[in-house]
PDB file of N, CA and C in Angstrom:
ATOM      1  N   MET A   1      25.266 -15.424  -4.821  1.00  0.00           N
ATOM      2  CA  MET A   1      24.056 -15.235  -4.062  1.00  0.00           C
ATOM      3  C   MET A   1      23.216 -14.161  -4.756  1.00  0.00           C
ATOM      4  N   THR A   2      21.929 -14.413  -4.881  1.00  0.00           N
ATOM      5  CA  THR A   2      21.031 -13.443  -5.493  1.00  0.00           C
ATOM      6  C   THR A   2      20.128 -12.824  -4.439  1.00  0.00           C
ATOM      7  N   THR A   3      19.778 -11.589  -4.674  1.00  0.00           N
ATOM      8  CA  THR A   3      18.864 -10.883  -3.791  1.00  0.00           C
ATOM      9  C   THR A   3      17.578 -10.640  -4.556  1.00  0.00           C
ATOM     10  N   THR A   4      16.470 -10.983  -3.952  1.00  0.00           N
ATOM     11  CA  THR A   4      15.181 -10.784  -4.587  1.00  0.00           C
ATOM     12  C   THR A   4      14.500  -9.591  -3.942  1.00  0.00           C
ATOM     13  N   MET A   5      14.138  -8.633  -4.767  1.00  0.00           N
ATOM     14  CA  MET A   5      13.422  -7.450  -4.280  1.00  0.00           C
ATOM     15  C   MET A   5      11.941  -7.787  -4.203  1.00  0.00           C
ATOM     16  N   GLN A   6      11.350  -7.557  -3.062  1.00  0.00           N
ATOM     17  CA  GLN A   6       9.921  -7.774  -2.904  1.00  0.00           C
ATOM     18  C   GLN A   6       9.229  -6.422  -2.944  1.00  0.00           C
ATOM     19  N   ASN A   7       8.149  -6.351  -3.687  1.00  0.00           N
ATOM     20  CA  ASN A   7       7.394  -5.109  -3.831  1.00  0.00           C
ATOM     21  C   ASN A   7       6.118  -5.164  -3.007  1.00  0.00           C
ATOM     22  N   TYR A   8       5.718  -4.000  -2.508  1.00  0.00           N
ATOM     23  CA  TYR A   8       4.498  -3.882  -1.721  1.00  0.00           C
ATOM     24  C   TYR A   8       3.719  -2.663  -2.191  1.00  0.00           C
ATOM     25  N   GLY A   9       2.410  -2.752  -2.087  1.00  0.00           N
ATOM     26  CA  GLY A   9       1.528  -1.641  -2.371  1.00  0.00           C
ATOM     27  C   GLY A   9       0.584  -1.480  -1.190  1.00  0.00           C
ATOM     28  N   LEU A  10      -0.264  -0.475  -1.256  1.00  0.00           N
ATOM     29  CA  LEU A  10      -1.214  -0.242  -0.165  1.00  0.00           C
ATOM     30  C   LEU A  10      -2.612  -0.062  -0.713  1.00  0.00           C
ATOM     31  N   THR A  11      -3.575  -0.493   0.079  1.00  0.00           N
ATOM     32  CA  THR A  11      -4.978  -0.183  -0.187  1.00  0.00           C
ATOM     33  C   THR A  11      -5.523   0.471   1.068  1.00  0.00           C
ATOM     34  N   TRP A  12      -6.487   1.383   0.905  1.00  0.00           N
ATOM     35  CA  TRP A  12      -7.084   2.060   2.047  1.00  0.00           C
ATOM     36  C   TRP A  12      -8.390   2.701   1.639  1.00  0.00           C
ATOM     37  N   THR A  13      -9.103   3.221   2.632  1.00  0.00           N
ATOM     38  CA  THR A  13     -10.338   3.951   2.396  1.00  0.00           C
ATOM     39  C   THR A  13     -10.131   5.377   2.897  1.00  0.00           C
ATOM     40  N   ASP A  14     -10.387   6.346   2.006  1.00  0.00           N
ATOM     41  CA  ASP A  14     -10.251   7.763   2.368  1.00  0.00           C
ATOM     42  C   ASP A  14     -11.282   8.170   3.403  1.00  0.00           C
ATOM     43  N   LEU A  15     -11.106   9.355   3.930  1.00  0.00           N
ATOM     44  CA  LEU A  15     -12.042   9.897   4.926  1.00  0.00           C
ATOM     45  C   LEU A  15     -13.463   9.995   4.384  1.00  0.00           C
ATOM     46  N   ASP A  16     -13.599  10.217   3.073  1.00  0.00           N
ATOM     47  CA  ASP A  16     -14.935  10.334   2.477  1.00  0.00           C
ATOM     48  C   ASP A  16     -15.517   8.988   2.047  1.00  0.00           C
ATOM     49  N   GLY A  17     -14.819   7.882   2.355  1.00  0.00           N
ATOM     50  CA  GLY A  17     -15.313   6.542   2.049  1.00  0.00           C
ATOM     51  C   GLY A  17     -14.901   5.994   0.702  1.00  0.00           C
ATOM     52  N   THR A  18     -14.030   6.707  -0.015  1.00  0.00           N
ATOM     53  CA  THR A  18     -13.577   6.256  -1.334  1.00  0.00           C
ATOM     54  C   THR A  18     -12.445   5.242  -1.197  1.00  0.00           C
ATOM     55  N   PRO A  19     -12.592   4.040  -1.777  1.00  0.00           N
ATOM     56  CA  PRO A  19     -11.500   3.061  -1.750  1.00  0.00           C
ATOM     57  C   PRO A  19     -10.345   3.534  -2.638  1.00  0.00           C
ATOM     58  N   ARG A  20      -9.143   3.395  -2.157  1.00  0.00           N
ATOM     59  CA  ARG A  20      -7.942   3.828  -2.888  1.00  0.00           C
ATOM     60  C   ARG A  20      -6.897   2.723  -2.892  1.00  0.00           C
ATOM     61  N   ALA A  21      -5.940   2.853  -3.832  1.00  0.00           N
ATOM     62  CA  ALA A  21      -4.792   1.945  -3.896  1.00  0.00           C
ATOM     63  C   ALA A  21      -3.585   2.739  -4.377  1.00  0.00           C
ATOM     64  N   SER A  22      -2.427   2.358  -3.903  1.00  0.00           N
ATOM     65  CA  SER A  22      -1.200   3.046  -4.308  1.00  0.00           C
ATOM     66  C   SER A  22      -0.881   2.750  -5.769  1.00  0.00           C
ATOM     67  N   VAL A  23      -0.233   3.700  -6.415  1.00  0.00           N
ATOM     68  CA  VAL A  23       0.172   3.524  -7.812  1.00  0.00           C
ATOM     69  C   VAL A  23       1.683   3.348  -7.922  1.00  0.00           C
ATOM     70  N   VAL A  24       2.357   3.304  -6.798  1.00  0.00           N
ATOM     71  CA  VAL A  24       3.796   3.079  -6.765  1.00  0.00           C
ATOM     72  C   VAL A  24       4.083   1.840  -5.927  1.00  0.00           C
ATOM     73  N   SER A  25       5.248   1.270  -6.112  1.00  0.00           N
ATOM     74  CA  SER A  25       5.678   0.130  -5.319  1.00  0.00           C
ATOM     75  C   SER A  25       6.620   0.597  -4.228  1.00  0.00           C
ATOM     76  N   TYR A  26       6.564  -0.064  -3.103  1.00  0.00           N
ATOM     77  CA  TYR A  26       7.409   0.264  -1.959  1.00  0.00           C
ATOM     78  C   TYR A  26       8.185  -0.967  -1.532  1.00  0.00           C
ATOM     79  N   ASP A  27       9.320  -0.750  -0.849  1.00  0.00           N
ATOM     80  CA  ASP A  27       9.923  -1.863  -0.124  1.00  0.00           C
ATOM     81  C   ASP A  27       9.131  -1.985   1.178  1.00  0.00           C
ATOM     82  N   GLN A  28       9.372  -3.014   1.946  1.00  0.00           N
ATOM     83  CA  GLN A  28       8.532  -3.272   3.109  1.00  0.00           C
ATOM     84  C   GLN A  28       8.603  -2.144   4.143  1.00  0.00           C
ATOM     85  N   ALA A  29       9.787  -1.654   4.432  1.00  0.00           N
ATOM     86  CA  ALA A  29       9.924  -0.593   5.436  1.00  0.00           C
ATOM     87  C   ALA A  29       9.189   0.673   4.992  1.00  0.00           C
ATOM     88  N   SER A  30       9.325   1.038   3.730  1.00  0.00           N
ATOM     89  CA  SER A  30       8.655   2.231   3.212  1.00  0.00           C
ATOM     90  C   SER A  30       7.142   2.057   3.206  1.00  0.00           C
ATOM     91  N   ALA A  31       6.674   0.857   2.879  1.00  0.00           N
ATOM     92  CA  ALA A  31       5.234   0.587   2.878  1.00  0.00           C
ATOM     93  C   ALA A  31       4.663   0.730   4.285  1.00  0.00           C
ATOM     94  N   GLU A  32       5.386   0.247   5.283  1.00  0.00           N
ATOM     95  CA  GLU A  32       4.923   0.359   6.667  1.00  0.00           C
ATOM     96  C   GLU A  32       4.898   1.826   7.112  1.00  0.00           C
ATOM     97  N   GLN A  33       5.873   2.611   6.676  1.00  0.00           N
ATOM     98  CA  GLN A  33       5.890   4.041   7.000  1.00  0.00           C
ATOM     99  C   GLN A  33       4.712   4.760   6.349  1.00  0.00           C
ATOM    100  N   ARG A  34       4.435   4.431   5.091  1.00  0.00           N
ATOM    101  CA  ARG A  34       3.303   5.040   4.390  1.00  0.00           C
ATOM    102  C   ARG A  34       1.994   4.645   5.064  1.00  0.00           C
ATOM    103  N   LYS A  35       1.881   3.391   5.493  1.00  0.00           N
ATOM    104  CA  LYS A  35       0.685   2.927   6.187  1.00  0.00           C
ATOM    105  C   LYS A  35       0.459   3.766   7.448  1.00  0.00           C
ATOM    106  N   ALA A  36       1.514   3.989   8.208  1.00  0.00           N
ATOM    107  CA  ALA A  36       1.399   4.780   9.439  1.00  0.00           C
ATOM    108  C   ALA A  36       0.952   6.207   9.138  1.00  0.00           C
ATOM    109  N   ARG A  37       1.467   6.800   8.054  1.00  0.00           N
ATOM    110  CA  ARG A  37       1.059   8.176   7.687  1.00  0.00           C
ATOM    111  C   ARG A  37      -0.408   8.215   7.265  1.00  0.00           C
ATOM    112  N   LEU A  38      -0.867   7.216   6.520  1.00  0.00           N
ATOM    113  CA  LEU A  38      -2.270   7.174   6.113  1.00  0.00           C
ATOM    114  C   LEU A  38      -3.187   7.030   7.326  1.00  0.00           C
ATOM    115  N   GLU A  39      -2.815   6.153   8.242  1.00  0.00           N
ATOM    116  CA  GLU A  39      -3.626   5.966   9.449  1.00  0.00           C
ATOM    117  C   GLU A  39      -3.644   7.234  10.300  1.00  0.00           C
ATOM    118  N   ALA A  40      -2.503   7.921  10.387  1.00  0.00           N
ATOM    119  CA  ALA A  40      -2.436   9.168  11.155  1.00  0.00           C
ATOM    120  C   ALA A  40      -3.316  10.245  10.530  1.00  0.00           C
ATOM    121  N   ALA A  41      -3.505  10.174   9.209  1.00  0.00           N
ATOM    122  CA  ALA A  41      -4.349  11.146   8.508  1.00  0.00           C
ATOM    123  C   ALA A  41      -5.830  10.807   8.622  1.00  0.00           C
ATOM    124  N   GLY A  42      -6.153   9.659   9.243  1.00  0.00           N
ATOM    125  CA  GLY A  42      -7.543   9.290   9.459  1.00  0.00           C
ATOM    126  C   GLY A  42      -8.112   8.306   8.460  1.00  0.00           C
ATOM    127  N   CYS A  43      -7.282   7.784   7.552  1.00  0.00           N
ATOM    128  CA  CYS A  43      -7.759   6.773   6.602  1.00  0.00           C
ATOM    129  C   CYS A  43      -8.001   5.456   7.339  1.00  0.00           C
ATOM    130  N   THR A  44      -8.933   4.666   6.825  1.00  0.00           N
ATOM    131  CA  THR A  44      -9.272   3.398   7.464  1.00  0.00           C
ATOM    132  C   THR A  44      -8.969   2.234   6.525  1.00  0.00           C
ATOM    133  N   ALA A  45      -9.020   1.026   7.077  1.00  0.00           N
ATOM    134  CA  ALA A  45      -8.802  -0.214   6.320  1.00  0.00           C
ATOM    135  C   ALA A  45      -7.496  -0.171   5.528  1.00  0.00           C
ATOM    136  N   VAL A  46      -6.444   0.381   6.138  1.00  0.00           N
ATOM    137  CA  VAL A  46      -5.148   0.476   5.467  1.00  0.00           C
ATOM    138  C   VAL A  46      -4.468  -0.881   5.526  1.00  0.00           C
ATOM    139  N   GLU A  47      -4.095  -1.397   4.358  1.00  0.00           N
ATOM    140  CA  GLU A  47      -3.436  -2.701   4.275  1.00  0.00           C
ATOM    141  C   GLU A  47      -2.220  -2.623   3.363  1.00  0.00           C
ATOM    142  N   VAL A  48      -1.145  -3.276   3.784  1.00  0.00           N
ATOM    143  CA  VAL A  48       0.035  -3.454   2.946  1.00  0.00           C
ATOM    144  C   VAL A  48      -0.148  -4.777   2.223  1.00  0.00           C
ATOM    145  N   VAL A  49      -0.047  -4.755   0.892  1.00  0.00           N
ATOM    146  CA  VAL A  49      -0.223  -5.978   0.113  1.00  0.00           C
ATOM    147  C   VAL A  49       1.014  -6.234  -0.747  1.00  0.00           C
ATOM    148  N   GLU A  50       1.381  -7.492  -0.842  1.00  0.00           N
ATOM    149  CA  GLU A  50       2.522  -7.895  -1.651  1.00  0.00           C
ATOM    150  C   GLU A  50       2.131  -7.818  -3.129  1.00  0.00           C
ATOM    151  N   THR A  51       3.003  -7.247  -3.954  1.00  0.00           N
ATOM    152  CA  THR A  51       2.741  -7.146  -5.385  1.00  0.00           C
ATOM    153  C   THR A  51       3.929  -7.685  -6.163  1.00  0.00           C
ATOM    154  N   LYS A  52       3.694  -7.972  -7.436  1.00  0.00           N
ATOM    155  CA  LYS A  52       4.755  -8.380  -8.341  1.00  0.00           C
ATOM    156  C   LYS A  52       5.247  -7.145  -9.093  1.00  0.00           C
ATOM    157  N   PRO A  53       6.448  -7.158  -9.633  1.00  0.00           N
ATOM    158  CA  PRO A  53       6.934  -5.998 -10.385  1.00  0.00           C
ATOM    159  C   PRO A  53       5.956  -5.618 -11.503  1.00  0.00           C
ATOM    160  N   GLY A  54       5.630  -4.344 -11.573  1.00  0.00           N
ATOM    161  CA  GLY A  54       4.710  -3.849 -12.596  1.00  0.00           C
ATOM    162  C   GLY A  54       3.244  -4.006 -12.256  1.00  0.00           C
ATOM    163  N   GLU A  55       2.932  -4.661 -11.160  1.00  0.00           N
ATOM    164  CA  GLU A  55       1.557  -4.898 -10.745  1.00  0.00           C
ATOM    165  C   GLU A  55       1.136  -3.832  -9.725  1.00  0.00           C
ATOM    166  N   ARG A  56      -0.133  -3.420  -9.791  1.00  0.00           N
ATOM    167  CA  ARG A  56      -0.670  -2.477  -8.825  1.00  0.00           C
ATOM    168  C   ARG A  56      -1.822  -3.123  -8.083  1.00  0.00           C
ATOM    169  N   PRO A  57      -1.931  -2.843  -6.774  1.00  0.00           N
ATOM    170  CA  PRO A  57      -3.077  -3.393  -6.043  1.00  0.00           C
ATOM    171  C   PRO A  57      -4.367  -2.724  -6.503  1.00  0.00           C
ATOM    172  N   GLN A  58      -5.473  -3.413  -6.364  1.00  0.00           N
ATOM    173  CA  GLN A  58      -6.785  -2.870  -6.736  1.00  0.00           C
ATOM    174  C   GLN A  58      -7.487  -2.383  -5.472  1.00  0.00           C
ATOM    175  N   PRO A  59      -8.141  -1.219  -5.554  1.00  0.00           N
ATOM    176  CA  PRO A  59      -8.898  -0.743  -4.388  1.00  0.00           C
ATOM    177  C   PRO A  59      -9.995  -1.740  -4.029  1.00  0.00           C
ATOM    178  N   LYS A  60     -10.266  -1.873  -2.754  1.00  0.00           N
ATOM    179  CA  LYS A  60     -11.336  -2.771  -2.313  1.00  0.00           C
ATOM    180  C   LYS A  60     -12.668  -2.053  -2.428  1.00  0.00           C
ATOM    181  N   ALA A  61     -13.629  -2.708  -2.987  1.00  0.00           N
ATOM    182  CA  ALA A  61     -14.938  -2.091  -3.186  1.00  0.00           C
ATOM    183  C   ALA A  61     -15.730  -2.014  -1.913  1.00  0.00           C
TER     184      ALA A  61
END
């Protein structure tokens, strides 16, 4: 049996309106925790996005 690791990244908008994206990959549970911390800090449009190994999400314009 093989286990496939799924990677996730995040995109969000900072308090000053700057679009951002994570530069690290997370597992799903960690990505959801990071999303909650970003939202608690006041960031908006926080999204968890599925990524491939070595791939980074792009900030939304």
